[in-house]
Amino acid sequence: MFSQGQLVFAGFFVVLFIVAMIYSYRKDLKLHKKFYKGSYIILLGFIVFIGFLFLIKGYLKH
């Protein structure tokens, strides 16, 4: 489906993208701690809300 060159390119791209993301995150770590305190609560709220939607969907299906 994919040629060998495409797979090699995709592998290098993924590795370099992850390295760049880690470098960028480490560089801005102080800012993240200062400005994004408590953001995990919002993430938890989204996860609970999506779970609630799946429960409603399952309940209404039967």
Protein backbone atom coordinates (compact mmCIF):
# COMPACT_ATOMS: atom_id res chain seq x y z
CA MET A 1 0.00 0.00 0.00
CA PHE A 2 2.79 2.41 0.91
CA SER A 3 6.24 2.42 -0.63
CA GLN A 4 9.35 1.91 1.48
CA GLY A 5 10.30 5.58 1.08
CA GLN A 6 6.91 6.75 2.30
CA LEU A 7 7.14 4.54 5.39
CA VAL A 8 10.65 5.79 6.18
CA PHE A 9 9.51 9.40 5.76
CA ALA A 10 6.49 8.81 8.01
CA GLY A 11 8.71 7.21 10.67
CA PHE A 12 11.19 10.09 10.66
CA PHE A 13 8.38 12.63 10.67
CA VAL A 14 6.67 11.04 13.68
CA VAL A 15 9.91 10.77 15.66
CA LEU A 16 10.99 14.34 14.90
CA PHE A 17 7.50 15.70 15.62
CA ILE A 18 7.45 14.00 19.04
CA VAL A 19 10.95 15.31 19.83
CA ALA A 20 9.89 18.85 18.84
CA MET A 21 6.77 18.62 21.00
CA ILE A 22 8.77 17.45 24.02
CA TYR A 23 11.35 20.21 23.51
CA SER A 24 8.65 22.85 23.16
CA TYR A 25 6.80 21.63 26.25
CA ARG A 26 9.97 21.58 28.36
CA LYS A 27 10.87 25.08 27.21
CA ASP A 28 7.47 26.47 28.26
CA LEU A 29 7.04 24.43 31.44
CA LYS A 30 7.17 27.47 33.75
CA LEU A 31 4.47 29.22 31.75
CA HIS A 32 2.28 26.11 31.75
CA LYS A 33 2.48 25.86 35.54
CA LYS A 34 1.63 29.55 35.91
CA PHE A 35 -1.23 29.97 33.44
CA TYR A 36 -2.83 26.53 33.23
CA LYS A 37 -3.38 25.67 36.89
CA GLY A 38 -6.47 23.53 37.33
CA SER A 39 -6.92 22.78 33.64
CA TYR A 40 -7.09 19.08 34.47
CA ILE A 41 -10.50 19.74 36.06
CA ILE A 42 -11.84 20.96 32.71
CA LEU A 43 -10.42 17.88 30.97
CA LEU A 44 -12.05 15.67 33.58
CA GLY A 45 -15.35 17.50 33.03
CA PHE A 46 -15.18 16.86 29.27
CA ILE A 47 -14.44 13.18 29.82
CA VAL A 48 -17.36 12.83 32.25
CA PHE A 49 -19.67 14.66 29.83
CA ILE A 50 -18.71 12.44 26.90
CA GLY A 51 -19.17 9.36 29.10
CA PHE A 52 -22.61 10.66 30.09
CA LEU A 53 -23.52 11.07 26.41
CA PHE A 54 -22.51 7.46 25.72
CA LEU A 55 -24.62 6.30 28.66
CA ILE A 56 -27.64 8.19 27.32
CA LYS A 57 -27.05 6.76 23.84
CA GLY A 58 -26.88 3.21 25.21
CA TYR A 59 -29.98 3.72 27.33
CA LEU A 60 -32.06 5.15 24.48
CA LYS A 61 -30.97 2.43 22.07
CA HIS A 62 -32.76 -0.29 24.07
